[in-house]
Amino acid sequence: AITSGGSTNYADSVKGRFTISRDNAKNTVFLQMNSLKLEDTAVYY
């Protein structure tokens, strides 16, 4: 999750591998997922 001020928090299982960011001007949020594992398989909302 990322607040409007840019503060972030992550699930322990993805810390160090995933990065959340946002572009407020475009009302867009991103999730960069690196070093993906089998257990990351899921529907992402």
PDB file of all heavy atoms in Angstrom:
ATOM      1  N   ALA A   1       0.841  -1.189   0.000  1.00  0.00           N
ATOM      2  CA  ALA A   1       0.000   0.000   0.000  1.00  0.00           C
ATOM      3  C   ALA A   1       0.877   1.241   0.000  1.00  0.00           C
ATOM      4  O   ALA A   1       2.014   1.210   0.503  1.00  0.00           O
ATOM      5  CB  ALA A   1      -0.925   0.011   1.209  1.00  0.00           C
ATOM      6  N   ILE A   2       0.329   2.329  -0.544  1.00  0.00           N
ATOM      7  CA  ILE A   2       1.055   3.589  -0.574  1.00  0.00           C
ATOM      8  C   ILE A   2       0.067   4.716  -0.310  1.00  0.00           C
ATOM      9  O   ILE A   2      -1.001   4.776  -0.917  1.00  0.00           O
ATOM     10  CB  ILE A   2       1.790   3.774  -1.920  1.00  0.00           C
ATOM     11  CG1 ILE A   2       2.609   5.066  -1.918  1.00  0.00           C
ATOM     12  CG2 ILE A   2       0.842   3.704  -3.102  1.00  0.00           C
ATOM     13  CD1 ILE A   2       3.591   5.155  -3.095  1.00  0.00           C
ATOM     14  N   THR A   3       0.433   5.588   0.602  1.00  0.00           N
ATOM     15  CA  THR A   3      -0.445   6.705   0.939  1.00  0.00           C
ATOM     16  C   THR A   3      -0.263   7.848  -0.061  1.00  0.00           C
ATOM     17  O   THR A   3       0.658   7.838  -0.890  1.00  0.00           O
ATOM     18  CB  THR A   3      -0.139   7.227   2.347  1.00  0.00           C
ATOM     19  OG1 THR A   3       1.171   7.833   2.335  1.00  0.00           O
ATOM     20  CG2 THR A   3      -0.159   6.101   3.365  1.00  0.00           C
ATOM     21  N   SER A   4      -1.105   8.850   0.057  1.00  0.00           N
ATOM     22  CA  SER A   4      -0.991  10.002  -0.834  1.00  0.00           C
ATOM     23  C   SER A   4       0.321  10.753  -0.617  1.00  0.00           C
ATOM     24  O   SER A   4       0.830  11.407  -1.528  1.00  0.00           O
ATOM     25  CB  SER A   4      -2.172  10.950  -0.613  1.00  0.00           C
ATOM     26  OG  SER A   4      -2.233  11.361   0.745  1.00  0.00           O
ATOM     27  N   GLY A   5       0.877  10.594   0.567  1.00  0.00           N
ATOM     28  CA  GLY A   5       2.163  11.230   0.857  1.00  0.00           C
ATOM     29  C   GLY A   5       3.365  10.399   0.473  1.00  0.00           C
ATOM     30  O   GLY A   5       4.502  10.851   0.616  1.00  0.00           O
ATOM     31  N   GLY A   6       3.108   9.186   0.012  1.00  0.00           N
ATOM     32  CA  GLY A   6       4.204   8.344  -0.455  1.00  0.00           C
ATOM     33  C   GLY A   6       4.710   7.311   0.543  1.00  0.00           C
ATOM     34  O   GLY A   6       5.637   6.560   0.236  1.00  0.00           O
ATOM     35  N   SER A   7       4.104   7.243   1.714  1.00  0.00           N
ATOM     36  CA  SER A   7       4.514   6.217   2.668  1.00  0.00           C
ATOM     37  C   SER A   7       4.021   4.858   2.186  1.00  0.00           C
ATOM     38  O   SER A   7       2.908   4.741   1.692  1.00  0.00           O
ATOM     39  CB  SER A   7       3.934   6.516   4.051  1.00  0.00           C
ATOM     40  OG  SER A   7       4.445   7.740   4.548  1.00  0.00           O
ATOM     41  N   THR A   8       4.872   3.860   2.377  1.00  0.00           N
ATOM     42  CA  THR A   8       4.540   2.522   1.875  1.00  0.00           C
ATOM     43  C   THR A   8       4.596   1.484   2.985  1.00  0.00           C
ATOM     44  O   THR A   8       5.275   1.665   4.002  1.00  0.00           O
ATOM     45  CB  THR A   8       5.518   2.099   0.771  1.00  0.00           C
ATOM     46  OG1 THR A   8       6.856   2.104   1.292  1.00  0.00           O
ATOM     47  CG2 THR A   8       5.455   3.043  -0.417  1.00  0.00           C
ATOM     48  N   ASN A   9       3.853   0.413   2.783  1.00  0.00           N
ATOM     49  CA  ASN A   9       4.013  -0.763   3.627  1.00  0.00           C
ATOM     50  C   ASN A   9       3.795  -2.000   2.778  1.00  0.00           C
ATOM     51  O   ASN A   9       3.073  -1.962   1.779  1.00  0.00           O
ATOM     52  CB  ASN A   9       3.097  -0.735   4.854  1.00  0.00           C
ATOM     53  CG  ASN A   9       1.647  -0.910   4.509  1.00  0.00           C
ATOM     54  OD1 ASN A   9       1.012   0.006   4.027  1.00  0.00           O
ATOM     55  ND2 ASN A   9       1.110  -2.111   4.731  1.00  0.00           N
ATOM     56  N   TYR A  10       4.458  -3.071   3.187  1.00  0.00           N
ATOM     57  CA  TYR A  10       4.468  -4.299   2.396  1.00  0.00           C
ATOM     58  C   TYR A  10       4.183  -5.508   3.280  1.00  0.00           C
ATOM     59  O   TYR A  10       4.530  -5.535   4.469  1.00  0.00           O
ATOM     60  CB  TYR A  10       5.843  -4.504   1.749  1.00  0.00           C
ATOM     61  CG  TYR A  10       6.228  -3.452   0.748  1.00  0.00           C
ATOM     62  CD1 TYR A  10       6.933  -2.321   1.137  1.00  0.00           C
ATOM     63  CD2 TYR A  10       5.889  -3.597  -0.594  1.00  0.00           C
ATOM     64  CE1 TYR A  10       7.283  -1.347   0.210  1.00  0.00           C
ATOM     65  CE2 TYR A  10       6.241  -2.635  -1.530  1.00  0.00           C
ATOM     66  CZ  TYR A  10       6.936  -1.518  -1.116  1.00  0.00           C
ATOM     67  OH  TYR A  10       7.287  -0.561  -2.041  1.00  0.00           O
ATOM     68  N   ALA A  11       3.617  -6.512   2.669  1.00  0.00           N
ATOM     69  CA  ALA A  11       3.517  -7.796   3.338  1.00  0.00           C
ATOM     70  C   ALA A  11       4.928  -8.344   3.509  1.00  0.00           C
ATOM     71  O   ALA A  11       5.800  -8.135   2.660  1.00  0.00           O
ATOM     72  CB  ALA A  11       2.679  -8.761   2.506  1.00  0.00           C
ATOM     73  N   ASP A  12       5.156  -9.040   4.599  1.00  0.00           N
ATOM     74  CA  ASP A  12       6.490  -9.584   4.860  1.00  0.00           C
ATOM     75  C   ASP A  12       6.958 -10.484   3.728  1.00  0.00           C
ATOM     76  O   ASP A  12       8.143 -10.519   3.397  1.00  0.00           O
ATOM     77  CB  ASP A  12       6.485 -10.374   6.174  1.00  0.00           C
ATOM     78  CG  ASP A  12       6.394  -9.476   7.389  1.00  0.00           C
ATOM     79  OD1 ASP A  12       6.652  -8.260   7.270  1.00  0.00           O
ATOM     80  OD2 ASP A  12       6.061  -9.995   8.478  1.00  0.00           O
ATOM     81  N   SER A  13       6.031 -11.176   3.118  1.00  0.00           N
ATOM     82  CA  SER A  13       6.387 -12.145   2.082  1.00  0.00           C
ATOM     83  C   SER A  13       6.923 -11.504   0.806  1.00  0.00           C
ATOM     84  O   SER A  13       7.526 -12.186  -0.022  1.00  0.00           O
ATOM     85  CB  SER A  13       5.169 -13.011   1.741  1.00  0.00           C
ATOM     86  OG  SER A  13       4.098 -12.202   1.279  1.00  0.00           O
ATOM     87  N   VAL A  14       6.706 -10.195   0.627  1.00  0.00           N
ATOM     88  CA  VAL A  14       7.159  -9.543  -0.609  1.00  0.00           C
ATOM     89  C   VAL A  14       8.205  -8.463  -0.365  1.00  0.00           C
ATOM     90  O   VAL A  14       8.717  -7.878  -1.325  1.00  0.00           O
ATOM     91  CB  VAL A  14       5.975  -8.952  -1.394  1.00  0.00           C
ATOM     92  CG1 VAL A  14       4.900 -10.007  -1.633  1.00  0.00           C
ATOM     93  CG2 VAL A  14       5.398  -7.726  -0.706  1.00  0.00           C
ATOM     94  N   LYS A  15       8.510  -8.207   0.881  1.00  0.00           N
ATOM     95  CA  LYS A  15       9.494  -7.161   1.183  1.00  0.00           C
ATOM     96  C   LYS A  15      10.823  -7.463   0.499  1.00  0.00           C
ATOM     97  O   LYS A  15      11.315  -8.587   0.544  1.00  0.00           O
ATOM     98  CB  LYS A  15       9.699  -7.048   2.693  1.00  0.00           C
ATOM     99  CG  LYS A  15       8.585  -6.311   3.409  1.00  0.00           C
ATOM    100  CD  LYS A  15       8.850  -6.223   4.908  1.00  0.00           C
ATOM    101  CE  LYS A  15       7.724  -5.489   5.610  1.00  0.00           C
ATOM    102  NZ  LYS A  15       7.920  -5.450   7.089  1.00  0.00           N
ATOM    103  N   GLY A  16      11.387  -6.426  -0.113  1.00  0.00           N
ATOM    104  CA  GLY A  16      12.658  -6.587  -0.799  1.00  0.00           C
ATOM    105  C   GLY A  16      12.533  -7.095  -2.222  1.00  0.00           C
ATOM    106  O   GLY A  16      13.506  -7.080  -2.979  1.00  0.00           O
ATOM    107  N   ARG A  17      11.333  -7.533  -2.606  1.00  0.00           N
ATOM    108  CA  ARG A  17      11.131  -8.042  -3.969  1.00  0.00           C
ATOM    109  C   ARG A  17      10.139  -7.185  -4.752  1.00  0.00           C
ATOM    110  O   ARG A  17      10.294  -7.024  -5.966  1.00  0.00           O
ATOM    111  CB  ARG A  17      10.606  -9.481  -3.928  1.00  0.00           C
ATOM    112  CG  ARG A  17      11.536 -10.456  -3.230  1.00  0.00           C
ATOM    113  CD  ARG A  17      11.048 -11.895  -3.399  1.00  0.00           C
ATOM    114  NE  ARG A  17       9.746 -12.127  -2.778  1.00  0.00           N
ATOM    115  CZ  ARG A  17       8.676 -12.550  -3.442  1.00  0.00           C
ATOM    116  NH1 ARG A  17       8.735 -12.786  -4.740  1.00  0.00           N
ATOM    117  NH2 ARG A  17       7.534 -12.755  -2.803  1.00  0.00           N
ATOM    118  N   PHE A  18       9.130  -6.664  -4.076  1.00  0.00           N
ATOM    119  CA  PHE A  18       8.095  -5.863  -4.729  1.00  0.00           C
ATOM    120  C   PHE A  18       8.257  -4.398  -4.350  1.00  0.00           C
ATOM    121  O   PHE A  18       8.654  -4.069  -3.226  1.00  0.00           O
ATOM    122  CB  PHE A  18       6.697  -6.317  -4.310  1.00  0.00           C
ATOM    123  CG  PHE A  18       6.290  -7.679  -4.815  1.00  0.00           C
ATOM    124  CD1 PHE A  18       7.180  -8.535  -5.427  1.00  0.00           C
ATOM    125  CD2 PHE A  18       4.970  -8.101  -4.662  1.00  0.00           C
ATOM    126  CE1 PHE A  18       6.789  -9.789  -5.879  1.00  0.00           C
ATOM    127  CE2 PHE A  18       4.559  -9.339  -5.106  1.00  0.00           C
ATOM    128  CZ  PHE A  18       5.479 -10.182  -5.716  1.00  0.00           C
ATOM    129  N   THR A  19       7.892  -3.523  -5.283  1.00  0.00           N
ATOM    130  CA  THR A  19       7.914  -2.098  -5.021  1.00  0.00           C
ATOM    131  C   THR A  19       6.631  -1.466  -5.527  1.00  0.00           C
ATOM    132  O   THR A  19       6.272  -1.632  -6.698  1.00  0.00           O
ATOM    133  CB  THR A  19       9.105  -1.421  -5.715  1.00  0.00           C
ATOM    134  OG1 THR A  19      10.326  -2.018  -5.269  1.00  0.00           O
ATOM    135  CG2 THR A  19       9.141   0.069  -5.392  1.00  0.00           C
ATOM    136  N   ILE A  20       5.954  -0.756  -4.641  1.00  0.00           N
ATOM    137  CA  ILE A  20       4.737  -0.039  -5.028  1.00  0.00           C
ATOM    138  C   ILE A  20       5.077   1.428  -5.244  1.00  0.00           C
ATOM    139  O   ILE A  20       5.893   2.003  -4.507  1.00  0.00           O
ATOM    140  CB  ILE A  20       3.628  -0.208  -3.962  1.00  0.00           C
ATOM    141  CG1 ILE A  20       2.292   0.338  -4.494  1.00  0.00           C
ATOM    142  CG2 ILE A  20       4.013   0.439  -2.650  1.00  0.00           C
ATOM    143  CD1 ILE A  20       1.103  -0.009  -3.604  1.00  0.00           C
ATOM    144  N   SER A  21       4.465   2.020  -6.244  1.00  0.00           N
ATOM    145  CA  SER A  21       4.658   3.444  -6.522  1.00  0.00           C
ATOM    146  C   SER A  21       3.382   3.998  -7.126  1.00  0.00           C
ATOM    147  O   SER A  21       2.487   3.232  -7.513  1.00  0.00           O
ATOM    148  CB  SER A  21       5.844   3.658  -7.468  1.00  0.00           C
ATOM    149  OG  SER A  21       5.621   3.001  -8.702  1.00  0.00           O
ATOM    150  N   ARG A  22       3.294   5.313  -7.205  1.00  0.00           N
ATOM    151  CA  ARG A  22       2.088   5.917  -7.754  1.00  0.00           C
ATOM    152  C   ARG A  22       2.429   7.185  -8.503  1.00  0.00           C
ATOM    153  O   ARG A  22       3.418   7.857  -8.200  1.00  0.00           O
ATOM    154  CB  ARG A  22       1.058   6.198  -6.657  1.00  0.00           C
ATOM    155  CG  ARG A  22       1.503   7.166  -5.590  1.00  0.00           C
ATOM    156  CD  ARG A  22       0.540   7.194  -4.407  1.00  0.00           C
ATOM    157  NE  ARG A  22      -0.687   7.915  -4.687  1.00  0.00           N
ATOM    158  CZ  ARG A  22      -1.724   7.983  -3.866  1.00  0.00           C
ATOM    159  NH1 ARG A  22      -1.692   7.327  -2.704  1.00  0.00           N
ATOM    160  NH2 ARG A  22      -2.810   8.689  -4.180  1.00  0.00           N
ATOM    161  N   ASP A  23       1.585   7.493  -9.465  1.00  0.00           N
ATOM    162  CA  ASP A  23       1.677   8.741 -10.222  1.00  0.00           C
ATOM    163  C   ASP A  23       0.372   9.484  -9.957  1.00  0.00           C
ATOM    164  O   ASP A  23      -0.667   9.159 -10.547  1.00  0.00           O
ATOM    165  CB  ASP A  23       1.860   8.436 -11.712  1.00  0.00           C
ATOM    166  CG  ASP A  23       2.039   9.692 -12.550  1.00  0.00           C
ATOM    167  OD1 ASP A  23       1.578  10.774 -12.120  1.00  0.00           O
ATOM    168  OD2 ASP A  23       2.604   9.597 -13.637  1.00  0.00           O
ATOM    169  N   ASN A  24       0.414  10.434  -9.061  1.00  0.00           N
ATOM    170  CA  ASN A  24      -0.803  11.120  -8.660  1.00  0.00           C
ATOM    171  C   ASN A  24      -1.435  11.914  -9.811  1.00  0.00           C
ATOM    172  O   ASN A  24      -2.661  12.027  -9.887  1.00  0.00           O
ATOM    173  CB  ASN A  24      -0.522  12.050  -7.487  1.00  0.00           C
ATOM    174  CG  ASN A  24      -0.194  11.282  -6.219  1.00  0.00           C
ATOM    175  OD1 ASN A  24      -0.741  10.204  -5.983  1.00  0.00           O
ATOM    176  ND2 ASN A  24       0.689  11.825  -5.405  1.00  0.00           N
ATOM    177  N   ALA A  25      -0.623  12.435 -10.676  1.00  0.00           N
ATOM    178  CA  ALA A  25      -1.151  13.219 -11.803  1.00  0.00           C
ATOM    179  C   ALA A  25      -1.970  12.353 -12.748  1.00  0.00           C
ATOM    180  O   ALA A  25      -2.879  12.847 -13.423  1.00  0.00           O
ATOM    181  CB  ALA A  25      -0.007  13.880 -12.554  1.00  0.00           C
ATOM    182  N   LYS A  26      -1.643  11.065 -12.790  1.00  0.00           N
ATOM    183  CA  LYS A  26      -2.332  10.144 -13.702  1.00  0.00           C
ATOM    184  C   LYS A  26      -3.235   9.168 -12.964  1.00  0.00           C
ATOM    185  O   LYS A  26      -3.772   8.238 -13.576  1.00  0.00           O
ATOM    186  CB  LYS A  26      -1.303   9.374 -14.531  1.00  0.00           C
ATOM    187  CG  LYS A  26      -0.464  10.263 -15.434  1.00  0.00           C
ATOM    188  CD  LYS A  26       0.510   9.447 -16.263  1.00  0.00           C
ATOM    189  CE  LYS A  26       1.311  10.340 -17.198  1.00  0.00           C
ATOM    190  NZ  LYS A  26       2.273   9.567 -18.019  1.00  0.00           N
ATOM    191  N   ASN A  27      -3.397   9.375 -11.643  1.00  0.00           N
ATOM    192  CA  ASN A  27      -4.253   8.488 -10.840  1.00  0.00           C
ATOM    193  C   ASN A  27      -3.909   7.020 -11.066  1.00  0.00           C
ATOM    194  O   ASN A  27      -4.789   6.174 -11.248  1.00  0.00           O
ATOM    195  CB  ASN A  27      -5.731   8.730 -11.154  1.00  0.00           C
ATOM    196  CG  ASN A  27      -6.188  10.106 -10.743  1.00  0.00           C
ATOM    197  OD1 ASN A  27      -5.741  10.641  -9.725  1.00  0.00           O
ATOM    198  ND2 ASN A  27      -7.067  10.695 -11.514  1.00  0.00           N
ATOM    199  N   THR A  28      -2.630   6.746 -11.057  1.00  0.00           N
ATOM    200  CA  THR A  28      -2.144   5.407 -11.379  1.00  0.00           C
ATOM    201  C   THR A  28      -1.259   4.877 -10.266  1.00  0.00           C
ATOM    202  O   THR A  28      -0.471   5.625  -9.685  1.00  0.00           O
ATOM    203  CB  THR A  28      -1.357   5.434 -12.699  1.00  0.00           C
ATOM    204  OG1 THR A  28      -2.198   5.921 -13.748  1.00  0.00           O
ATOM    205  CG2 THR A  28      -0.871   4.039 -13.067  1.00  0.00           C
ATOM    206  N   VAL A  29      -1.402   3.597 -10.003  1.00  0.00           N
ATOM    207  CA  VAL A  29      -0.535   2.917  -9.049  1.00  0.00           C
ATOM    208  C   VAL A  29       0.125   1.741  -9.762  1.00  0.00           C
ATOM    209  O   VAL A  29      -0.475   1.108 -10.623  1.00  0.00           O
ATOM    210  CB  VAL A  29      -1.319   2.443  -7.803  1.00  0.00           C
ATOM    211  CG1 VAL A  29      -2.417   1.447  -8.157  1.00  0.00           C
ATOM    212  CG2 VAL A  29      -0.382   1.876  -6.739  1.00  0.00           C
ATOM    213  N   PHE A  30       1.368   1.506  -9.398  1.00  0.00           N
ATOM    214  CA  PHE A  30       2.160   0.445 -10.017  1.00  0.00           C
ATOM    215  C   PHE A  30       2.620  -0.550  -8.948  1.00  0.00           C
ATOM    216  O   PHE A  30       2.770  -0.198  -7.776  1.00  0.00           O
ATOM    217  CB  PHE A  30       3.398   1.028 -10.703  1.00  0.00           C
ATOM    218  CG  PHE A  30       3.095   2.106 -11.704  1.00  0.00           C
ATOM    219  CD1 PHE A  30       3.186   3.442 -11.337  1.00  0.00           C
ATOM    220  CD2 PHE A  30       2.722   1.790 -12.994  1.00  0.00           C
ATOM    221  CE1 PHE A  30       2.911   4.447 -12.249  1.00  0.00           C
ATOM    222  CE2 PHE A  30       2.445   2.788 -13.917  1.00  0.00           C
ATOM    223  CZ  PHE A  30       2.541   4.117 -13.543  1.00  0.00           C
ATOM    224  N   LEU A  31       2.895  -1.750  -9.402  1.00  0.00           N
ATOM    225  CA  LEU A  31       3.522  -2.747  -8.536  1.00  0.00           C
ATOM    226  C   LEU A  31       4.599  -3.440  -9.351  1.00  0.00           C
ATOM    227  O   LEU A  31       4.298  -4.204 -10.267  1.00  0.00           O
ATOM    228  CB  LEU A  31       2.513  -3.761  -8.008  1.00  0.00           C
ATOM    229  CG  LEU A  31       3.081  -4.752  -6.991  1.00  0.00           C
ATOM    230  CD1 LEU A  31       3.435  -4.021  -5.687  1.00  0.00           C
ATOM    231  CD2 LEU A  31       2.092  -5.880  -6.700  1.00  0.00           C
ATOM    232  N   GLN A  32       5.835  -3.124  -9.028  1.00  0.00           N
ATOM    233  CA  GLN A  32       6.969  -3.798  -9.670  1.00  0.00           C
ATOM    234  C   GLN A  32       7.285  -5.044  -8.869  1.00  0.00           C
ATOM    235  O   GLN A  32       7.581  -4.965  -7.678  1.00  0.00           O
ATOM    236  CB  GLN A  32       8.182  -2.873  -9.706  1.00  0.00           C
ATOM    237  CG  GLN A  32       9.423  -3.502 -10.319  1.00  0.00           C
ATOM    238  CD  GLN A  32       9.255  -3.818 -11.793  1.00  0.00           C
ATOM    239  OE1 GLN A  32       8.738  -3.011 -12.546  1.00  0.00           O
ATOM    240  NE2 GLN A  32       9.708  -4.999 -12.189  1.00  0.00           N
ATOM    241  N   MET A  33       7.209  -6.182  -9.529  1.00  0.00           N
ATOM    242  CA  MET A  33       7.416  -7.458  -8.863  1.00  0.00           C
ATOM    243  C   MET A  33       8.649  -8.130  -9.438  1.00  0.00           C
ATOM    244  O   MET A  33       8.677  -8.459 -10.632  1.00  0.00           O
ATOM    245  CB  MET A  33       6.186  -8.355  -9.050  1.00  0.00           C
ATOM    246  CG  MET A  33       4.900  -7.711  -8.594  1.00  0.00           C
ATOM    247  SD  MET A  33       3.476  -8.823  -8.655  1.00  0.00           S
ATOM    248  CE  MET A  33       3.346  -9.104 -10.414  1.00  0.00           C
ATOM    249  N   ASN A  34       9.656  -8.294  -8.613  1.00  0.00           N
ATOM    250  CA  ASN A  34      10.902  -8.934  -9.018  1.00  0.00           C
ATOM    251  C   ASN A  34      11.099 -10.237  -8.251  1.00  0.00           C
ATOM    252  O   ASN A  34      10.457 -10.467  -7.221  1.00  0.00           O
ATOM    253  CB  ASN A  34      12.082  -8.005  -8.757  1.00  0.00           C
ATOM    254  CG  ASN A  34      12.005  -6.712  -9.556  1.00  0.00           C
ATOM    255  OD1 ASN A  34      11.466  -6.679 -10.664  1.00  0.00           O
ATOM    256  ND2 ASN A  34      12.540  -5.638  -8.984  1.00  0.00           N
ATOM    257  N   SER A  35      11.993 -11.053  -8.747  1.00  0.00           N
ATOM    258  CA  SER A  35      12.319 -12.326  -8.092  1.00  0.00           C
ATOM    259  C   SER A  35      11.054 -13.101  -7.733  1.00  0.00           C
ATOM    260  O   SER A  35      10.884 -13.580  -6.609  1.00  0.00           O
ATOM    261  CB  SER A  35      13.142 -12.069  -6.823  1.00  0.00           C
ATOM    262  OG  SER A  35      14.327 -11.359  -7.136  1.00  0.00           O
ATOM    263  N   LEU A  36      10.177 -13.218  -8.704  1.00  0.00           N
ATOM    264  CA  LEU A  36       8.886 -13.855  -8.449  1.00  0.00           C
ATOM    265  C   LEU A  36       9.050 -15.313  -8.066  1.00  0.00           C
ATOM    266  O   LEU A  36       9.925 -16.021  -8.590  1.00  0.00           O
ATOM    267  CB  LEU A  36       7.988 -13.704  -9.663  1.00  0.00           C
ATOM    268  CG  LEU A  36       7.360 -12.305  -9.804  1.00  0.00           C
ATOM    269  CD1 LEU A  36       6.896 -12.053 -11.224  1.00  0.00           C
ATOM    270  CD2 LEU A  36       6.206 -12.160  -8.826  1.00  0.00           C
ATOM    271  N   LYS A  37       8.185 -15.747  -7.158  1.00  0.00           N
ATOM    272  CA  LYS A  37       8.194 -17.109  -6.659  1.00  0.00           C
ATOM    273  C   LYS A  37       6.884 -17.797  -7.037  1.00  0.00           C
ATOM    274  O   LYS A  37       5.886 -17.141  -7.317  1.00  0.00           O
ATOM    275  CB  LYS A  37       8.354 -17.110  -5.142  1.00  0.00           C
ATOM    276  CG  LYS A  37       9.601 -16.409  -4.635  1.00  0.00           C
ATOM    277  CD  LYS A  37       9.628 -16.405  -3.114  1.00  0.00           C
ATOM    278  CE  LYS A  37      10.868 -15.703  -2.589  1.00  0.00           C
ATOM    279  NZ  LYS A  37      10.916 -15.692  -1.100  1.00  0.00           N
ATOM    280  N   LEU A  38       6.908 -19.112  -6.986  1.00  0.00           N
ATOM    281  CA  LEU A  38       5.699 -19.868  -7.296  1.00  0.00           C
ATOM    282  C   LEU A  38       4.529 -19.413  -6.424  1.00  0.00           C
ATOM    283  O   LEU A  38       3.388 -19.327  -6.892  1.00  0.00           O
ATOM    284  CB  LEU A  38       5.937 -21.360  -7.106  1.00  0.00           C
ATOM    285  CG  LEU A  38       6.995 -22.006  -8.005  1.00  0.00           C
ATOM    286  CD1 LEU A  38       7.119 -23.493  -7.681  1.00  0.00           C
ATOM    287  CD2 LEU A  38       6.659 -21.814  -9.462  1.00  0.00           C
ATOM    288  N   GLU A  39       4.831 -19.116  -5.182  1.00  0.00           N
ATOM    289  CA  GLU A  39       3.774 -18.738  -4.235  1.00  0.00           C
ATOM    290  C   GLU A  39       3.213 -17.338  -4.468  1.00  0.00           C
ATOM    291  O   GLU A  39       2.271 -16.928  -3.790  1.00  0.00           O
ATOM    292  CB  GLU A  39       4.262 -18.868  -2.784  1.00  0.00           C
ATOM    293  CG  GLU A  39       5.555 -18.148  -2.496  1.00  0.00           C
ATOM    294  CD  GLU A  39       6.764 -19.082  -2.576  1.00  0.00           C
ATOM    295  OE1 GLU A  39       6.809 -19.914  -3.511  1.00  0.00           O
ATOM    296  OE2 GLU A  39       7.668 -18.957  -1.738  1.00  0.00           O
ATOM    297  N   ASP A  40       3.771 -16.616  -5.426  1.00  0.00           N
ATOM    298  CA  ASP A  40       3.208 -15.318  -5.796  1.00  0.00           C
ATOM    299  C   ASP A  40       2.054 -15.457  -6.788  1.00  0.00           C
ATOM    300  O   ASP A  40       1.388 -14.466  -7.116  1.00  0.00           O
ATOM    301  CB  ASP A  40       4.279 -14.420  -6.406  1.00  0.00           C
ATOM    302  CG  ASP A  40       5.362 -14.028  -5.415  1.00  0.00           C
ATOM    303  OD1 ASP A  40       5.022 -13.738  -4.252  1.00  0.00           O
ATOM    304  OD2 ASP A  40       6.548 -14.029  -5.811  1.00  0.00           O
ATOM    305  N   THR A  41       1.821 -16.668  -7.251  1.00  0.00           N
ATOM    306  CA  THR A  41       0.713 -16.905  -8.172  1.00  0.00           C
ATOM    307  C   THR A  41      -0.611 -16.552  -7.498  1.00  0.00           C
ATOM    308  O   THR A  41      -0.924 -17.049  -6.417  1.00  0.00           O
ATOM    309  CB  THR A  41       0.689 -18.370  -8.620  1.00  0.00           C
ATOM    310  OG1 THR A  41       1.865 -18.637  -9.405  1.00  0.00           O
ATOM    311  CG2 THR A  41      -0.542 -18.676  -9.447  1.00  0.00           C
ATOM    312  N   ALA A  42      -1.366 -15.670  -8.153  1.00  0.00           N
ATOM    313  CA  ALA A  42      -2.632 -15.206  -7.571  1.00  0.00           C
ATOM    314  C   ALA A  42      -3.296 -14.228  -8.540  1.00  0.00           C
ATOM    315  O   ALA A  42      -2.685 -13.811  -9.525  1.00  0.00           O
ATOM    316  CB  ALA A  42      -2.375 -14.498  -6.237  1.00  0.00           C
ATOM    317  N   VAL A  43      -4.521 -13.894  -8.221  1.00  0.00           N
ATOM    318  CA  VAL A  43      -5.170 -12.758  -8.878  1.00  0.00           C
ATOM    319  C   VAL A  43      -4.837 -11.520  -8.052  1.00  0.00           C
ATOM    320  O   VAL A  43      -5.047 -11.517  -6.834  1.00  0.00           O
ATOM    321  CB  VAL A  43      -6.689 -12.946  -8.978  1.00  0.00           C
ATOM    322  CG1 VAL A  43      -7.333 -11.721  -9.607  1.00  0.00           C
ATOM    323  CG2 VAL A  43      -7.016 -14.195  -9.792  1.00  0.00           C
ATOM    324  N   TYR A  44      -4.324 -10.511  -8.705  1.00  0.00           N
ATOM    325  CA  TYR A  44      -3.919  -9.274  -8.032  1.00  0.00           C
ATOM    326  C   TYR A  44      -4.988  -8.213  -8.280  1.00  0.00           C
ATOM    327  O   TYR A  44      -5.381  -7.957  -9.424  1.00  0.00           O
ATOM    328  CB  TYR A  44      -2.565  -8.820  -8.542  1.00  0.00           C
ATOM    329  CG  TYR A  44      -1.434  -9.649  -7.988  1.00  0.00           C
ATOM    330  CD1 TYR A  44      -1.232 -10.967  -8.398  1.00  0.00           C
ATOM    331  CD2 TYR A  44      -0.568  -9.127  -7.021  1.00  0.00           C
ATOM    332  CE1 TYR A  44      -0.223 -11.740  -7.874  1.00  0.00           C
ATOM    333  CE2 TYR A  44       0.459  -9.893  -6.488  1.00  0.00           C
ATOM    334  CZ  TYR A  44       0.628 -11.207  -6.918  1.00  0.00           C
ATOM    335  OH  TYR A  44       1.637 -11.967  -6.378  1.00  0.00           O
ATOM    336  N   TYR A  45      -5.409  -7.586  -7.188  1.00  0.00           N
ATOM    337  CA  TYR A  45      -6.466  -6.590  -7.245  1.00  0.00           C
ATOM    338  C   TYR A  45      -5.939  -5.221  -6.810  1.00  0.00           C
ATOM    339  O   TYR A  45      -5.251  -5.097  -5.800  1.00  0.00           O
ATOM    340  CB  TYR A  45      -7.614  -6.968  -6.311  1.00  0.00           C
ATOM    341  CG  TYR A  45      -8.324  -8.241  -6.689  1.00  0.00           C
ATOM    342  CD1 TYR A  45      -7.922  -9.457  -6.161  1.00  0.00           C
ATOM    343  CD2 TYR A  45      -9.417  -8.211  -7.559  1.00  0.00           C
ATOM    344  CE1 TYR A  45      -8.582 -10.632  -6.499  1.00  0.00           C
ATOM    345  CE2 TYR A  45     -10.086  -9.377  -7.894  1.00  0.00           C
ATOM    346  CZ  TYR A  45      -9.655 -10.576  -7.359  1.00  0.00           C
ATOM    347  OH  TYR A  45     -10.317 -11.734  -7.693  1.00  0.00           O
TER     348      TYR A  45
END
